[in-house]
PDB file of all heavy atoms in Angstrom:
ATOM      1  N   GLY A   1     -97.824  73.785 140.455  1.00  0.00           N
ATOM      2  CA  GLY A   1     -97.659  72.349 140.683  1.00  0.00           C
ATOM      3  C   GLY A   1     -97.725  71.491 139.434  1.00  0.00           C
ATOM      4  O   GLY A   1     -97.668  70.265 139.509  1.00  0.00           O
ATOM      5  N   VAL A   2     -97.842  72.133 138.257  1.00  0.00           N
ATOM      6  CA  VAL A   2     -97.963  71.381 136.998  1.00  0.00           C
ATOM      7  C   VAL A   2     -96.608  70.756 136.628  1.00  0.00           C
ATOM      8  O   VAL A   2     -95.581  71.424 136.645  1.00  0.00           O
ATOM      9  CB  VAL A   2     -98.464  72.315 135.861  1.00  0.00           C
ATOM     10  CG1 VAL A   2     -98.310  71.654 134.499  1.00  0.00           C
ATOM     11  CG2 VAL A   2     -99.914  72.699 136.110  1.00  0.00           C
ATOM     12  N   LYS A   3     -96.643  69.452 136.285  1.00  0.00           N
ATOM     13  CA  LYS A   3     -95.423  68.734 135.875  1.00  0.00           C
ATOM     14  C   LYS A   3     -95.408  68.500 134.356  1.00  0.00           C
ATOM     15  O   LYS A   3     -94.347  68.343 133.764  1.00  0.00           O
ATOM     16  CB  LYS A   3     -95.378  67.358 136.556  1.00  0.00           C
ATOM     17  CG  LYS A   3     -95.528  67.373 138.072  1.00  0.00           C
ATOM     18  CD  LYS A   3     -94.201  67.597 138.753  1.00  0.00           C
ATOM     19  CE  LYS A   3     -94.318  67.553 140.266  1.00  0.00           C
ATOM     20  NZ  LYS A   3     -94.500  66.198 140.781  1.00  0.00           N
ATOM     21  N   GLU A   4     -96.604  68.426 133.764  1.00  0.00           N
ATOM     22  CA  GLU A   4     -96.715  68.100 132.336  1.00  0.00           C
ATOM     23  C   GLU A   4     -97.586  69.135 131.641  1.00  0.00           C
ATOM     24  O   GLU A   4     -98.678  69.463 132.116  1.00  0.00           O
ATOM     25  CB  GLU A   4     -97.350  66.710 132.174  1.00  0.00           C
ATOM     26  CG  GLU A   4     -97.663  66.337 130.739  1.00  0.00           C
ATOM     27  CD  GLU A   4     -98.453  65.033 130.610  1.00  0.00           C
ATOM     28  OE1 GLU A   4     -99.068  64.599 131.598  1.00  0.00           O
ATOM     29  OE2 GLU A   4     -98.450  64.459 129.502  1.00  0.00           O
ATOM     30  N   ILE A   5     -97.084  69.644 130.520  1.00  0.00           N
ATOM     31  CA  ILE A   5     -97.864  70.608 129.728  1.00  0.00           C
ATOM     32  C   ILE A   5     -98.111  70.006 128.346  1.00  0.00           C
ATOM     33  O   ILE A   5     -97.190  69.494 127.711  1.00  0.00           O
ATOM     34  CB  ILE A   5     -97.122  71.954 129.630  1.00  0.00           C
ATOM     35  CG1 ILE A   5     -97.333  72.757 130.912  1.00  0.00           C
ATOM     36  CG2 ILE A   5     -97.600  72.761 128.433  1.00  0.00           C
ATOM     37  CD1 ILE A   5     -96.583  74.062 130.956  1.00  0.00           C
ATOM     38  N   MET A   6     -99.364  70.053 127.916  1.00  0.00           N
ATOM     39  CA  MET A   6     -99.725  69.569 126.585  1.00  0.00           C
ATOM     40  C   MET A   6     -99.977  70.771 125.682  1.00  0.00           C
ATOM     41  O   MET A   6    -100.881  71.561 125.955  1.00  0.00           O
ATOM     42  CB  MET A   6    -100.952  68.668 126.671  1.00  0.00           C
ATOM     43  CG  MET A   6    -100.593  67.313 127.260  1.00  0.00           C
ATOM     44  SD  MET A   6    -102.010  66.438 127.916  1.00  0.00           S
ATOM     45  CE  MET A   6    -102.130  67.123 129.550  1.00  0.00           C
ATOM     46  N   LEU A   7     -99.158  70.923 124.642  1.00  0.00           N
ATOM     47  CA  LEU A   7     -99.328  72.043 123.718  1.00  0.00           C
ATOM     48  C   LEU A   7    -100.483  71.732 122.782  1.00  0.00           C
ATOM     49  O   LEU A   7    -100.520  70.676 122.139  1.00  0.00           O
ATOM     50  CB  LEU A   7     -98.073  72.266 122.885  1.00  0.00           C
ATOM     51  CG  LEU A   7     -96.772  72.589 123.623  1.00  0.00           C
ATOM     52  CD1 LEU A   7     -95.740  73.105 122.636  1.00  0.00           C
ATOM     53  CD2 LEU A   7     -96.982  73.604 124.732  1.00  0.00           C
ATOM     54  N   ILE A   8    -101.436  72.651 122.713  1.00  0.00           N
ATOM     55  CA  ILE A   8    -102.608  72.461 121.851  1.00  0.00           C
ATOM     56  C   ILE A   8    -102.824  73.699 120.991  1.00  0.00           C
ATOM     57  O   ILE A   8    -102.411  74.806 121.335  1.00  0.00           O
ATOM     58  CB  ILE A   8    -103.885  72.152 122.670  1.00  0.00           C
ATOM     59  CG1 ILE A   8    -104.143  73.245 123.712  1.00  0.00           C
ATOM     60  CG2 ILE A   8    -103.803  70.773 123.309  1.00  0.00           C
ATOM     61  CD1 ILE A   8    -105.493  73.156 124.382  1.00  0.00           C
ATOM     62  N   ALA A   9    -103.461  73.472 119.862  1.00  0.00           N
ATOM     63  CA  ALA A   9    -103.829  74.537 118.924  1.00  0.00           C
ATOM     64  C   ALA A   9    -104.735  73.860 117.918  1.00  0.00           C
ATOM     65  O   ALA A   9    -104.842  72.639 117.887  1.00  0.00           O
ATOM     66  CB  ALA A   9    -102.593  75.100 118.233  1.00  0.00           C
ATOM     67  N   GLN A  10    -105.397  74.642 117.078  1.00  0.00           N
ATOM     68  CA  GLN A  10    -106.092  74.030 115.952  1.00  0.00           C
ATOM     69  C   GLN A  10    -105.047  73.355 115.060  1.00  0.00           C
ATOM     70  O   GLN A  10    -105.293  72.340 114.448  1.00  0.00           O
ATOM     71  CB  GLN A  10    -106.841  75.097 115.157  1.00  0.00           C
ATOM     72  CG  GLN A  10    -108.336  75.160 115.364  1.00  0.00           C
ATOM     73  CD  GLN A  10    -108.767  75.279 116.817  1.00  0.00           C
ATOM     74  OE1 GLN A  10    -108.404  76.217 117.505  1.00  0.00           O
ATOM     75  NE2 GLN A  10    -109.537  74.342 117.298  1.00  0.00           N
ATOM     76  N   GLU A  11    -103.847  73.943 115.013  1.00  0.00           N
ATOM     77  CA  GLU A  11    -102.797  73.472 114.110  1.00  0.00           C
ATOM     78  C   GLU A  11    -101.442  73.953 114.633  1.00  0.00           C
ATOM     79  O   GLU A  11    -101.076  75.099 114.452  1.00  0.00           O
ATOM     80  CB  GLU A  11    -103.088  74.058 112.715  1.00  0.00           C
ATOM     81  CG  GLU A  11    -102.622  73.202 111.571  1.00  0.00           C
ATOM     82  CD  GLU A  11    -101.189  73.451 111.171  1.00  0.00           C
ATOM     83  OE1 GLU A  11    -100.312  73.088 111.974  1.00  0.00           O
ATOM     84  OE2 GLU A  11    -100.954  73.952 110.067  1.00  0.00           O
ATOM     85  N   LEU A  12    -100.703  73.049 115.334  1.00  0.00           N
ATOM     86  CA  LEU A  12     -99.445  73.425 115.988  1.00  0.00           C
ATOM     87  C   LEU A  12     -98.362  73.911 115.025  1.00  0.00           C
ATOM     88  O   LEU A  12     -97.652  74.867 115.318  1.00  0.00           O
ATOM     89  CB  LEU A  12     -98.851  72.210 116.714  1.00  0.00           C
ATOM     90  CG  LEU A  12     -99.302  71.818 118.117  1.00  0.00           C
ATOM     91  CD1 LEU A  12     -98.365  70.753 118.654  1.00  0.00           C
ATOM     92  CD2 LEU A  12     -99.365  72.990 119.068  1.00  0.00           C
ATOM     93  N   THR A  13     -98.208  73.218 113.892  1.00  0.00           N
ATOM     94  CA  THR A  13     -97.029  73.454 113.061  1.00  0.00           C
ATOM     95  C   THR A  13     -97.065  74.792 112.325  1.00  0.00           C
ATOM     96  O   THR A  13     -96.055  75.241 111.803  1.00  0.00           O
ATOM     97  CB  THR A  13     -96.847  72.316 112.036  1.00  0.00           C
ATOM     98  OG1 THR A  13     -98.037  72.198 111.251  1.00  0.00           O
ATOM     99  CG2 THR A  13     -96.563  71.004 112.723  1.00  0.00           C
ATOM    100  N   TYR A  14     -98.234  75.448 112.288  1.00  0.00           N
ATOM    101  CA  TYR A  14     -98.376  76.766 111.655  1.00  0.00           C
ATOM    102  C   TYR A  14     -97.872  77.869 112.586  1.00  0.00           C
ATOM    103  O   TYR A  14     -97.755  79.025 112.196  1.00  0.00           O
ATOM    104  CB  TYR A  14     -99.855  76.984 111.317  1.00  0.00           C
ATOM    105  CG  TYR A  14    -100.128  77.963 110.193  1.00  0.00           C
ATOM    106  CD1 TYR A  14    -100.160  77.534 108.875  1.00  0.00           C
ATOM    107  CD2 TYR A  14    -100.365  79.307 110.452  1.00  0.00           C
ATOM    108  CE1 TYR A  14    -100.422  78.427 107.841  1.00  0.00           C
ATOM    109  CE2 TYR A  14    -100.626  80.206 109.423  1.00  0.00           C
ATOM    110  CZ  TYR A  14    -100.651  79.756 108.126  1.00  0.00           C
ATOM    111  OH  TYR A  14    -100.902  80.628 107.095  1.00  0.00           O
ATOM    112  N   TYR A  15     -97.575  77.488 113.842  1.00  0.00           N
ATOM    113  CA  TYR A  15     -97.252  78.469 114.873  1.00  0.00           C
ATOM    114  C   TYR A  15     -96.146  79.439 114.423  1.00  0.00           C
ATOM    115  O   TYR A  15     -95.090  79.021 113.953  1.00  0.00           O
ATOM    116  CB  TYR A  15     -96.818  77.785 116.179  1.00  0.00           C
ATOM    117  CG  TYR A  15     -96.399  78.781 117.224  1.00  0.00           C
ATOM    118  CD1 TYR A  15     -97.345  79.498 117.940  1.00  0.00           C
ATOM    119  CD2 TYR A  15     -95.052  79.083 117.435  1.00  0.00           C
ATOM    120  CE1 TYR A  15     -96.973  80.470 118.851  1.00  0.00           C
ATOM    121  CE2 TYR A  15     -94.673  80.055 118.345  1.00  0.00           C
ATOM    122  CZ  TYR A  15     -95.641  80.748 119.047  1.00  0.00           C
ATOM    123  OH  TYR A  15     -95.269  81.721 119.930  1.00  0.00           O
ATOM    124  N   GLY A  16     -96.412  80.724 114.591  1.00  0.00           N
ATOM    125  CA  GLY A  16     -95.413  81.761 114.336  1.00  0.00           C
ATOM    126  C   GLY A  16     -95.479  82.411 112.975  1.00  0.00           C
ATOM    127  O   GLY A  16     -94.977  83.525 112.797  1.00  0.00           O
ATOM    128  N   LEU A  17     -96.102  81.748 111.997  1.00  0.00           N
ATOM    129  CA  LEU A  17     -96.102  82.294 110.628  1.00  0.00           C
ATOM    130  C   LEU A  17     -96.763  83.664 110.555  1.00  0.00           C
ATOM    131  O   LEU A  17     -96.349  84.509 109.765  1.00  0.00           O
ATOM    132  CB  LEU A  17     -96.825  81.327 109.679  1.00  0.00           C
ATOM    133  CG  LEU A  17     -95.937  80.274 109.003  1.00  0.00           C
ATOM    134  CD1 LEU A  17     -96.789  79.271 108.245  1.00  0.00           C
ATOM    135  CD2 LEU A  17     -94.938  80.924 108.051  1.00  0.00           C
ATOM    136  N   ASP A  18     -97.768  83.903 111.393  1.00  0.00           N
ATOM    137  CA  ASP A  18     -98.479  85.186 111.329  1.00  0.00           C
ATOM    138  C   ASP A  18     -97.717  86.307 112.021  1.00  0.00           C
ATOM    139  O   ASP A  18     -97.606  87.405 111.488  1.00  0.00           O
ATOM    140  CB  ASP A  18     -99.894  85.046 111.917  1.00  0.00           C
ATOM    141  CG  ASP A  18     -99.899  84.453 113.322  1.00  0.00           C
ATOM    142  OD1 ASP A  18     -98.992  83.651 113.631  1.00  0.00           O
ATOM    143  OD2 ASP A  18    -100.805  84.782 114.110  1.00  0.00           O
ATOM    144  N   ILE A  19     -97.125  86.028 113.182  1.00  0.00           N
ATOM    145  CA  ILE A  19     -96.501  87.134 113.934  1.00  0.00           C
ATOM    146  C   ILE A  19     -94.986  87.215 113.730  1.00  0.00           C
ATOM    147  O   ILE A  19     -94.396  88.279 113.882  1.00  0.00           O
ATOM    148  CB  ILE A  19     -96.847  87.096 115.446  1.00  0.00           C
ATOM    149  CG1 ILE A  19     -96.492  85.742 116.076  1.00  0.00           C
ATOM    150  CG2 ILE A  19     -98.311  87.442 115.672  1.00  0.00           C
ATOM    151  CD1 ILE A  19     -96.705  85.698 117.595  1.00  0.00           C
ATOM    152  N   TYR A  20     -94.344  86.080 113.392  1.00  0.00           N
ATOM    153  CA  TYR A  20     -92.887  86.096 113.188  1.00  0.00           C
ATOM    154  C   TYR A  20     -92.491  85.892 111.720  1.00  0.00           C
ATOM    155  O   TYR A  20     -91.313  85.890 111.387  1.00  0.00           O
ATOM    156  CB  TYR A  20     -92.220  85.011 114.040  1.00  0.00           C
ATOM    157  CG  TYR A  20     -92.474  85.161 115.522  1.00  0.00           C
ATOM    158  CD1 TYR A  20     -93.214  84.207 116.219  1.00  0.00           C
ATOM    159  CD2 TYR A  20     -91.982  86.258 116.231  1.00  0.00           C
ATOM    160  CE1 TYR A  20     -93.454  84.330 117.582  1.00  0.00           C
ATOM    161  CE2 TYR A  20     -92.218  86.398 117.589  1.00  0.00           C
ATOM    162  CZ  TYR A  20     -92.956  85.429 118.263  1.00  0.00           C
ATOM    163  OH  TYR A  20     -93.189  85.565 119.605  1.00  0.00           O
ATOM    164  N   LYS A  21     -93.491  85.677 110.873  1.00  0.00           N
ATOM    165  CA  LYS A  21     -93.292  85.475 109.422  1.00  0.00           C
ATOM    166  C   LYS A  21     -92.515  84.198 109.089  1.00  0.00           C
ATOM    167  O   LYS A  21     -92.005  84.035 107.995  1.00  0.00           O
ATOM    168  CB  LYS A  21     -92.589  86.676 108.764  1.00  0.00           C
ATOM    169  CG  LYS A  21     -93.281  88.012 109.025  1.00  0.00           C
ATOM    170  CD  LYS A  21     -94.753  87.992 108.646  1.00  0.00           C
ATOM    171  CE  LYS A  21     -95.488  89.245 109.115  1.00  0.00           C
ATOM    172  NZ  LYS A  21     -96.919  89.038 109.315  1.00  0.00           N
ATOM    173  N   LYS A  22     -92.385  83.304 110.049  1.00  0.00           N
ATOM    174  CA  LYS A  22     -91.812  81.977 109.789  1.00  0.00           C
ATOM    175  C   LYS A  22     -92.302  81.017 110.870  1.00  0.00           C
ATOM    176  O   LYS A  22     -92.753  81.448 111.941  1.00  0.00           O
ATOM    177  CB  LYS A  22     -90.282  82.030 109.759  1.00  0.00           C
ATOM    178  CG  LYS A  22     -89.627  82.476 111.046  1.00  0.00           C
ATOM    179  CD  LYS A  22     -88.111  82.396 110.917  1.00  0.00           C
ATOM    180  CE  LYS A  22     -87.445  82.759 112.244  1.00  0.00           C
ATOM    181  NZ  LYS A  22     -86.005  82.484 112.234  1.00  0.00           N
ATOM    182  N   ARG A  23     -92.213  79.715 110.578  1.00  0.00           N
ATOM    183  CA  ARG A  23     -92.640  78.703 111.556  1.00  0.00           C
ATOM    184  C   ARG A  23     -91.682  78.736 112.745  1.00  0.00           C
ATOM    185  O   ARG A  23     -90.472  78.631 112.572  1.00  0.00           O
ATOM    186  CB  ARG A  23     -92.654  77.314 110.908  1.00  0.00           C
ATOM    187  CG  ARG A  23     -93.709  77.179 109.826  1.00  0.00           C
ATOM    188  CD  ARG A  23     -93.611  75.846 109.114  1.00  0.00           C
ATOM    189  NE  ARG A  23     -94.459  75.833 107.921  1.00  0.00           N
ATOM    190  CZ  ARG A  23     -95.709  75.379 107.900  1.00  0.00           C
ATOM    191  NH1 ARG A  23     -96.264  74.898 108.989  1.00  0.00           N
ATOM    192  NH2 ARG A  23     -96.413  75.397 106.790  1.00  0.00           N
ATOM    193  N   MET A  24     -92.256  78.863 113.948  1.00  0.00           N
ATOM    194  CA  MET A  24     -91.424  79.075 115.141  1.00  0.00           C
ATOM    195  C   MET A  24     -91.663  78.035 116.237  1.00  0.00           C
ATOM    196  O   MET A  24     -91.282  78.254 117.391  1.00  0.00           O
ATOM    197  CB  MET A  24     -91.688  80.480 115.694  1.00  0.00           C
ATOM    198  CG  MET A  24     -91.159  81.596 114.833  1.00  0.00           C
ATOM    199  SD  MET A  24     -89.358  81.751 114.903  1.00  0.00           S
ATOM    200  CE  MET A  24     -89.157  82.617 116.449  1.00  0.00           C
ATOM    201  N   LEU A  25     -92.288  76.919 115.891  1.00  0.00           N
ATOM    202  CA  LEU A  25     -92.579  75.927 116.927  1.00  0.00           C
ATOM    203  C   LEU A  25     -91.293  75.396 117.558  1.00  0.00           C
ATOM    204  O   LEU A  25     -91.231  75.197 118.782  1.00  0.00           O
ATOM    205  CB  LEU A  25     -93.414  74.776 116.348  1.00  0.00           C
ATOM    206  CG  LEU A  25     -93.872  73.703 117.347  1.00  0.00           C
ATOM    207  CD1 LEU A  25     -94.667  74.306 118.496  1.00  0.00           C
ATOM    208  CD2 LEU A  25     -94.712  72.634 116.653  1.00  0.00           C
ATOM    209  N   ALA A  26     -90.254  75.169 116.752  1.00  0.00           N
ATOM    210  CA  ALA A  26     -88.979  74.661 117.296  1.00  0.00           C
ATOM    211  C   ALA A  26     -88.402  75.644 118.317  1.00  0.00           C
ATOM    212  O   ALA A  26     -87.941  75.241 119.395  1.00  0.00           O
ATOM    213  CB  ALA A  26     -87.986  74.415 116.160  1.00  0.00           C
ATOM    214  N   ASP A  27     -88.431  76.949 117.999  1.00  0.00           N
ATOM    215  CA  ASP A  27     -87.912  77.977 118.928  1.00  0.00           C
ATOM    216  C   ASP A  27     -88.730  77.986 120.217  1.00  0.00           C
ATOM    217  O   ASP A  27     -88.173  78.083 121.316  1.00  0.00           O
ATOM    218  CB  ASP A  27     -87.973  79.358 118.271  1.00  0.00           C
ATOM    219  CG  ASP A  27     -87.163  79.419 116.988  1.00  0.00           C
ATOM    220  OD1 ASP A  27     -87.550  78.769 115.986  1.00  0.00           O
ATOM    221  OD2 ASP A  27     -86.136  80.100 116.994  1.00  0.00           O
ATOM    222  N   LEU A  28     -90.049  77.897 120.071  1.00  0.00           N
ATOM    223  CA  LEU A  28     -90.923  77.872 121.257  1.00  0.00           C
ATOM    224  C   LEU A  28     -90.586  76.666 122.135  1.00  0.00           C
ATOM    225  O   LEU A  28     -90.497  76.784 123.366  1.00  0.00           O
ATOM    226  CB  LEU A  28     -92.397  77.825 120.823  1.00  0.00           C
ATOM    227  CG  LEU A  28     -93.418  77.615 121.956  1.00  0.00           C
ATOM    228  CD1 LEU A  28     -93.397  78.793 122.938  1.00  0.00           C
ATOM    229  CD2 LEU A  28     -94.824  77.428 121.392  1.00  0.00           C
ATOM    230  N   LEU A  29     -90.395  75.505 121.522  1.00  0.00           N
ATOM    231  CA  LEU A  29     -90.087  74.295 122.285  1.00  0.00           C
ATOM    232  C   LEU A  29     -88.790  74.448 123.075  1.00  0.00           C
ATOM    233  O   LEU A  29     -88.710  74.056 124.242  1.00  0.00           O
ATOM    234  CB  LEU A  29     -90.000  73.086 121.355  1.00  0.00           C
ATOM    235  CG  LEU A  29     -91.340  72.586 120.791  1.00  0.00           C
ATOM    236  CD1 LEU A  29     -91.108  71.498 119.754  1.00  0.00           C
ATOM    237  CD2 LEU A  29     -92.246  72.071 121.899  1.00  0.00           C
ATOM    238  N   HIS A  30     -87.769  75.022 122.446  1.00  0.00           N
ATOM    239  CA  HIS A  30     -86.496  75.257 123.160  1.00  0.00           C
ATOM    240  C   HIS A  30     -86.722  76.116 124.400  1.00  0.00           C
ATOM    241  O   HIS A  30     -86.214  75.810 125.479  1.00  0.00           O
ATOM    242  CB  HIS A  30     -85.483  75.941 122.238  1.00  0.00           C
ATOM    243  CG  HIS A  30     -84.565  74.985 121.538  1.00  0.00           C
ATOM    244  ND1 HIS A  30     -83.792  74.054 122.210  1.00  0.00           N
ATOM    245  CD2 HIS A  30     -84.289  74.810 120.220  1.00  0.00           C
ATOM    246  CE1 HIS A  30     -83.079  73.346 121.337  1.00  0.00           C
ATOM    247  NE2 HIS A  30     -83.372  73.782 120.119  1.00  0.00           N
ATOM    248  N   LYS A  31     -87.501  77.197 124.230  1.00  0.00           N
ATOM    249  CA  LYS A  31     -87.747  78.120 125.352  1.00  0.00           C
ATOM    250  C   LYS A  31     -88.555  77.426 126.468  1.00  0.00           C
ATOM    251  O   LYS A  31     -88.277  77.609 127.657  1.00  0.00           O
ATOM    252  CB  LYS A  31     -88.502  79.363 124.847  1.00  0.00           C
ATOM    253  CG  LYS A  31     -87.675  80.255 123.912  1.00  0.00           C
ATOM    254  CD  LYS A  31     -86.755  81.144 124.704  1.00  0.00           C
ATOM    255  CE  LYS A  31     -86.117  82.293 123.961  1.00  0.00           C
ATOM    256  NZ  LYS A  31     -85.885  82.201 122.557  1.00  0.00           N
ATOM    257  N   LEU A  32     -89.567  76.652 126.081  1.00  0.00           N
ATOM    258  CA  LEU A  32     -90.380  75.948 127.085  1.00  0.00           C
ATOM    259  C   LEU A  32     -89.568  74.869 127.797  1.00  0.00           C
ATOM    260  O   LEU A  32     -89.728  74.646 129.004  1.00  0.00           O
ATOM    261  CB  LEU A  32     -91.619  75.333 126.428  1.00  0.00           C
ATOM    262  CG  LEU A  32     -92.691  76.310 125.953  1.00  0.00           C
ATOM    263  CD1 LEU A  32     -93.791  75.574 125.195  1.00  0.00           C
ATOM    264  CD2 LEU A  32     -93.307  77.090 127.123  1.00  0.00           C
ATOM    265  N   ALA A  33     -88.686  74.208 127.056  1.00  0.00           N
ATOM    266  CA  ALA A  33     -87.862  73.156 127.650  1.00  0.00           C
ATOM    267  C   ALA A  33     -86.914  73.723 128.710  1.00  0.00           C
ATOM    268  O   ALA A  33     -86.456  73.002 129.602  1.00  0.00           O
ATOM    269  CB  ALA A  33     -87.073  72.424 126.568  1.00  0.00           C
ATOM    270  N   ASP A  34     -86.646  75.036 128.640  1.00  0.00           N
ATOM    271  CA  ASP A  34     -85.783  75.698 129.635  1.00  0.00           C
ATOM    272  C   ASP A  34     -86.516  76.003 130.938  1.00  0.00           C
ATOM    273  O   ASP A  34     -85.872  76.390 131.920  1.00  0.00           O
ATOM    274  CB  ASP A  34     -85.232  77.014 129.067  1.00  0.00           C
ATOM    275  CG  ASP A  34     -84.151  76.780 128.014  1.00  0.00           C
ATOM    276  OD1 ASP A  34     -83.525  75.707 128.026  1.00  0.00           O
ATOM    277  OD2 ASP A  34     -83.944  77.682 127.163  1.00  0.00           O
ATOM    278  N   VAL A  35     -87.832  75.891 130.947  1.00  0.00           N
ATOM    279  CA  VAL A  35     -88.603  76.237 132.156  1.00  0.00           C
ATOM    280  C   VAL A  35     -88.287  75.218 133.258  1.00  0.00           C
ATOM    281  O   VAL A  35     -88.538  74.020 133.102  1.00  0.00           O
ATOM    282  CB  VAL A  35     -90.124  76.278 131.867  1.00  0.00           C
ATOM    283  CG1 VAL A  35     -90.911  76.484 133.159  1.00  0.00           C
ATOM    284  CG2 VAL A  35     -90.440  77.389 130.859  1.00  0.00           C
ATOM    285  N   LYS A  36     -87.728  75.696 134.358  1.00  0.00           N
ATOM    286  CA  LYS A  36     -87.328  74.806 135.455  1.00  0.00           C
ATOM    287  C   LYS A  36     -88.563  74.162 136.103  1.00  0.00           C
ATOM    288  O   LYS A  36     -89.545  74.839 136.370  1.00  0.00           O
ATOM    289  CB  LYS A  36     -86.544  75.595 136.503  1.00  0.00           C
ATOM    290  CG  LYS A  36     -85.128  75.924 136.063  1.00  0.00           C
ATOM    291  CD  LYS A  36     -84.299  76.553 137.185  1.00  0.00           C
ATOM    292  CE  LYS A  36     -82.839  76.695 136.797  1.00  0.00           C
ATOM    293  NZ  LYS A  36     -82.629  77.458 135.564  1.00  0.00           N
ATOM    294  N   GLY A  37     -88.458  72.861 136.340  1.00  0.00           N
ATOM    295  CA  GLY A  37     -89.558  72.156 137.002  1.00  0.00           C
ATOM    296  C   GLY A  37     -90.589  71.588 136.054  1.00  0.00           C
ATOM    297  O   GLY A  37     -91.532  70.926 136.475  1.00  0.00           O
ATOM    298  N   LEU A  38     -90.417  71.851 134.742  1.00  0.00           N
ATOM    299  CA  LEU A  38     -91.355  71.310 133.751  1.00  0.00           C
ATOM    300  C   LEU A  38     -90.787  69.975 133.255  1.00  0.00           C
ATOM    301  O   LEU A  38     -89.772  69.932 132.568  1.00  0.00           O
ATOM    302  CB  LEU A  38     -91.534  72.306 132.602  1.00  0.00           C
ATOM    303  CG  LEU A  38     -92.577  71.978 131.533  1.00  0.00           C
ATOM    304  CD1 LEU A  38     -93.914  71.614 132.150  1.00  0.00           C
ATOM    305  CD2 LEU A  38     -92.751  73.141 130.583  1.00  0.00           C
ATOM    306  N   HIS A  39     -91.433  68.873 133.636  1.00  0.00           N
ATOM    307  CA  HIS A  39     -90.885  67.537 133.381  1.00  0.00           C
ATOM    308  C   HIS A  39     -91.239  67.006 131.995  1.00  0.00           C
ATOM    309  O   HIS A  39     -90.427  66.342 131.366  1.00  0.00           O
ATOM    310  CB  HIS A  39     -91.406  66.545 134.441  1.00  0.00           C
ATOM    311  CG  HIS A  39     -90.884  66.821 135.811  1.00  0.00           C
ATOM    312  ND1 HIS A  39     -89.846  66.114 136.376  1.00  0.00           N
ATOM    313  CD2 HIS A  39     -91.241  67.760 136.730  1.00  0.00           C
ATOM    314  CE1 HIS A  39     -89.603  66.593 137.587  1.00  0.00           C
ATOM    315  NE2 HIS A  39     -90.426  67.585 137.819  1.00  0.00           N
TER     316      HIS A  39
END
């Protein structure tokens, strides 16, 4: 029933550097924006 998701971290923009070896926040946002029903 969730309509709004707030992305949190100690530091959002560093996301992906450790596991993908580059900043991946933009890619994550694209994938999350595709989730049906997420307003």
